[in-house]
Amino acid sequence: MGKEQNNAKYHCKLGLLSKYRAEFMGFAILIVIFTHSVDFGVNYPSFFGKIVNSSYGRIGQIAVNIFFMVSGIGMYYSLSKNNKNFYKRRFEKILPSYFMISIPVFLIVDIIMDHENI
């Protein structure tokens, strides 16, 4: 079996995961949110509460692993389509959001820490 055929074989197997990537990521995010909400005292009713509360840590860990795995598949497909502009697009996509969040947080933390002499 040639290298192209072998790559096509794996591409077809990952195609279904790629097709529903956003749904898998959304599901994983919701599980992580539900798992963390238990830390804040949220009690879930009946069946759902038993699932979240009984396997509290493990189900959240699995959801994080699913999220990162599916994200990695998306990165692989994005890189394999057009690797020349891959890093440029990543920076253009990530840096504006990073600075919109980090600059106010750093300023607020600096102001709070300055006033409290921590």
C-alpha atoms as a PDB file:
ATOM      1  CA  MET A   1       0.000   0.000   0.000  1.00  0.00           C
ATOM      2  CA  GLY A   2       1.471   3.354  -1.062  1.00  0.00           C
ATOM      3  CA  LYS A   3       1.846   6.377   1.171  1.00  0.00           C
ATOM      4  CA  GLU A   4      -0.999   8.225  -0.582  1.00  0.00           C
ATOM      5  CA  GLN A   5      -3.380   5.286  -0.135  1.00  0.00           C
ATOM      6  CA  ASN A   6      -2.419   4.950   3.527  1.00  0.00           C
ATOM      7  CA  ASN A   7      -3.026   8.686   4.131  1.00  0.00           C
ATOM      8  CA  ALA A   8      -6.377   8.473   2.326  1.00  0.00           C
ATOM      9  CA  LYS A   9      -7.378   5.549   4.540  1.00  0.00           C
ATOM     10  CA  TYR A  10      -6.758   7.584   7.700  1.00  0.00           C
ATOM     11  CA  HIS A  11      -8.366  10.656   6.161  1.00  0.00           C
ATOM     12  CA  CYS A  12     -11.602   8.746   5.564  1.00  0.00           C
ATOM     13  CA  LYS A  13     -11.665   7.396   9.110  1.00  0.00           C
ATOM     14  CA  LEU A  14     -11.196  10.864  10.581  1.00  0.00           C
ATOM     15  CA  GLY A  15     -13.709  12.427   8.194  1.00  0.00           C
ATOM     16  CA  LEU A  16     -16.685  11.671  10.425  1.00  0.00           C
ATOM     17  CA  LEU A  17     -14.918  13.162  13.435  1.00  0.00           C
ATOM     18  CA  SER A  18     -14.053  16.197  11.370  1.00  0.00           C
ATOM     19  CA  LYS A  19     -17.618  16.549  10.124  1.00  0.00           C
ATOM     20  CA  TYR A  20     -19.071  16.720  13.651  1.00  0.00           C
ATOM     21  CA  ARG A  21     -16.075  18.424  15.257  1.00  0.00           C
ATOM     22  CA  ALA A  22     -17.990  21.469  16.494  1.00  0.00           C
ATOM     23  CA  GLU A  23     -20.673  19.272  18.072  1.00  0.00           C
ATOM     24  CA  PHE A  24     -18.080  17.122  19.865  1.00  0.00           C
ATOM     25  CA  MET A  25     -16.297  20.223  21.139  1.00  0.00           C
ATOM     26  CA  GLY A  26     -19.553  21.800  22.310  1.00  0.00           C
ATOM     27  CA  PHE A  27     -20.566  18.630  24.120  1.00  0.00           C
ATOM     28  CA  ALA A  28     -17.177  18.415  25.827  1.00  0.00           C
ATOM     29  CA  ILE A  29     -17.343  22.085  26.860  1.00  0.00           C
ATOM     30  CA  LEU A  30     -20.782  21.591  28.396  1.00  0.00           C
ATOM     31  CA  ILE A  31     -19.596  18.585  30.388  1.00  0.00           C
ATOM     32  CA  VAL A  32     -16.609  20.560  31.686  1.00  0.00           C
ATOM     33  CA  ILE A  33     -18.900  23.448  32.678  1.00  0.00           C
ATOM     34  CA  PHE A  34     -21.313  21.095  34.454  1.00  0.00           C
ATOM     35  CA  THR A  35     -18.422  19.387  36.233  1.00  0.00           C
ATOM     36  CA  HIS A  36     -16.954  22.677  37.432  1.00  0.00           C
ATOM     37  CA  SER A  37     -20.347  23.951  38.532  1.00  0.00           C
ATOM     38  CA  VAL A  38     -20.418  21.242  41.207  1.00  0.00           C
ATOM     39  CA  ASP A  39     -17.543  23.153  42.869  1.00  0.00           C
ATOM     40  CA  PHE A  40     -19.883  26.107  43.233  1.00  0.00           C
ATOM     41  CA  GLY A  41     -22.603  24.083  44.937  1.00  0.00           C
ATOM     42  CA  VAL A  42     -24.926  23.424  42.010  1.00  0.00           C
ATOM     43  CA  ASN A  43     -27.071  20.334  42.622  1.00  0.00           C
ATOM     44  CA  TYR A  44     -28.473  18.638  39.568  1.00  0.00           C
ATOM     45  CA  PRO A  45     -31.780  16.736  39.670  1.00  0.00           C
ATOM     46  CA  SER A  46     -32.248  12.969  39.400  1.00  0.00           C
ATOM     47  CA  PHE A  47     -30.477  11.041  36.644  1.00  0.00           C
ATOM     48  CA  PHE A  48     -28.251  13.861  35.366  1.00  0.00           C
ATOM     49  CA  GLY A  49     -27.171  14.731  38.889  1.00  0.00           C
ATOM     50  CA  LYS A  50     -26.149  11.136  39.531  1.00  0.00           C
ATOM     51  CA  ILE A  51     -23.949  11.101  36.429  1.00  0.00           C
ATOM     52  CA  VAL A  52     -22.234  14.418  37.167  1.00  0.00           C
ATOM     53  CA  ASN A  53     -21.864  13.935  40.919  1.00  0.00           C
ATOM     54  CA  SER A  54     -20.904  10.251  41.029  1.00  0.00           C
ATOM     55  CA  SER A  55     -18.064  10.363  38.544  1.00  0.00           C
ATOM     56  CA  TYR A  56     -17.323  14.007  39.265  1.00  0.00           C
ATOM     57  CA  GLY A  57     -13.627  14.258  38.403  1.00  0.00           C
ATOM     58  CA  ARG A  58     -13.351  11.499  35.840  1.00  0.00           C
ATOM     59  CA  ILE A  59     -16.111  12.678  33.507  1.00  0.00           C
ATOM     60  CA  GLY A  60     -14.602  16.176  33.373  1.00  0.00           C
ATOM     61  CA  GLN A  61     -11.167  14.774  32.581  1.00  0.00           C
ATOM     62  CA  ILE A  62     -12.580  12.708  29.748  1.00  0.00           C
ATOM     63  CA  ALA A  63     -14.368  15.771  28.345  1.00  0.00           C
ATOM     64  CA  VAL A  64     -11.130  17.801  28.391  1.00  0.00           C
ATOM     65  CA  ASN A  65      -9.349  14.976  26.563  1.00  0.00           C
ATOM     66  CA  ILE A  66     -12.133  14.833  23.952  1.00  0.00           C
ATOM     67  CA  PHE A  67     -11.934  18.606  23.464  1.00  0.00           C
ATOM     68  CA  PHE A  68      -8.165  18.604  22.936  1.00  0.00           C
ATOM     69  CA  MET A  69      -8.239  15.557  20.669  1.00  0.00           C
ATOM     70  CA  VAL A  70     -10.930  17.039  18.418  1.00  0.00           C
ATOM     71  CA  SER A  71      -9.153  20.416  18.422  1.00  0.00           C
ATOM     72  CA  GLY A  72      -5.970  18.674  17.332  1.00  0.00           C
ATOM     73  CA  ILE A  73      -7.809  17.007  14.461  1.00  0.00           C
ATOM     74  CA  GLY A  74      -9.077  20.404  13.362  1.00  0.00           C
ATOM     75  CA  MET A  75      -5.566  21.831  13.527  1.00  0.00           C
ATOM     76  CA  TYR A  76      -4.280  18.908  11.454  1.00  0.00           C
ATOM     77  CA  TYR A  77      -6.883  19.478   8.732  1.00  0.00           C
ATOM     78  CA  SER A  78      -6.251  23.208   8.743  1.00  0.00           C
ATOM     79  CA  LEU A  79      -2.500  22.733   8.476  1.00  0.00           C
ATOM     80  CA  SER A  80      -2.778  20.088   5.758  1.00  0.00           C
ATOM     81  CA  LYS A  81      -4.979  22.307   3.585  1.00  0.00           C
ATOM     82  CA  ASN A  82      -2.750  25.375   3.507  1.00  0.00           C
ATOM     83  CA  ASN A  83       0.440  25.282   5.521  1.00  0.00           C
ATOM     84  CA  LYS A  84       1.901  28.528   4.134  1.00  0.00           C
ATOM     85  CA  ASN A  85      -0.586  30.805   5.896  1.00  0.00           C
ATOM     86  CA  PHE A  86      -1.354  28.494   8.828  1.00  0.00           C
ATOM     87  CA  TYR A  87       0.632  30.303  11.513  1.00  0.00           C
ATOM     88  CA  LYS A  88      -0.278  33.746  10.198  1.00  0.00           C
ATOM     89  CA  ARG A  89      -3.985  32.872  10.396  1.00  0.00           C
ATOM     90  CA  ARG A  90      -3.554  31.438  13.905  1.00  0.00           C
ATOM     91  CA  PHE A  91      -1.921  34.630  15.142  1.00  0.00           C
ATOM     92  CA  GLU A  92      -4.563  36.798  13.445  1.00  0.00           C
ATOM     93  CA  LYS A  93      -7.278  34.715  15.050  1.00  0.00           C
ATOM     94  CA  ILE A  94      -5.832  34.399  18.561  1.00  0.00           C
ATOM     95  CA  LEU A  95      -3.915  37.612  19.297  1.00  0.00           C
ATOM     96  CA  PRO A  96      -6.818  40.126  19.126  1.00  0.00           C
ATOM     97  CA  SER A  97      -8.881  38.077  21.579  1.00  0.00           C
ATOM     98  CA  TYR A  98      -5.869  37.501  23.783  1.00  0.00           C
ATOM     99  CA  PHE A  99      -5.123  41.211  24.049  1.00  0.00           C
ATOM    100  CA  MET A 100      -8.797  42.161  24.502  1.00  0.00           C
ATOM    101  CA  ILE A 101      -8.950  39.911  27.572  1.00  0.00           C
ATOM    102  CA  SER A 102      -5.434  40.040  28.975  1.00  0.00           C
ATOM    103  CA  ILE A 103      -4.840  43.813  28.958  1.00  0.00           C
ATOM    104  CA  PRO A 104      -7.949  44.665  31.054  1.00  0.00           C
ATOM    105  CA  VAL A 105      -7.251  41.735  33.388  1.00  0.00           C
ATOM    106  CA  PHE A 106      -3.645  42.799  33.883  1.00  0.00           C
ATOM    107  CA  LEU A 107      -4.716  46.399  34.496  1.00  0.00           C
ATOM    108  CA  ILE A 108      -7.387  45.375  37.011  1.00  0.00           C
ATOM    109  CA  VAL A 109      -5.044  43.011  38.819  1.00  0.00           C
ATOM    110  CA  ASP A 110      -2.349  45.695  38.882  1.00  0.00           C
ATOM    111  CA  ILE A 111      -4.785  48.267  40.312  1.00  0.00           C
ATOM    112  CA  ILE A 112      -6.179  45.854  42.911  1.00  0.00           C
ATOM    113  CA  MET A 113      -2.754  44.608  43.929  1.00  0.00           C
ATOM    114  CA  ASP A 114      -1.421  48.195  44.118  1.00  0.00           C
ATOM    115  CA  HIS A 115      -4.232  49.308  46.427  1.00  0.00           C
ATOM    116  CA  GLU A 116      -4.104  46.249  48.662  1.00  0.00           C
ATOM    117  CA  ASN A 117      -0.281  46.186  48.837  1.00  0.00           C
ATOM    118  CA  ILE A 118      -0.150  42.478  48.118  1.00  0.00           C
END
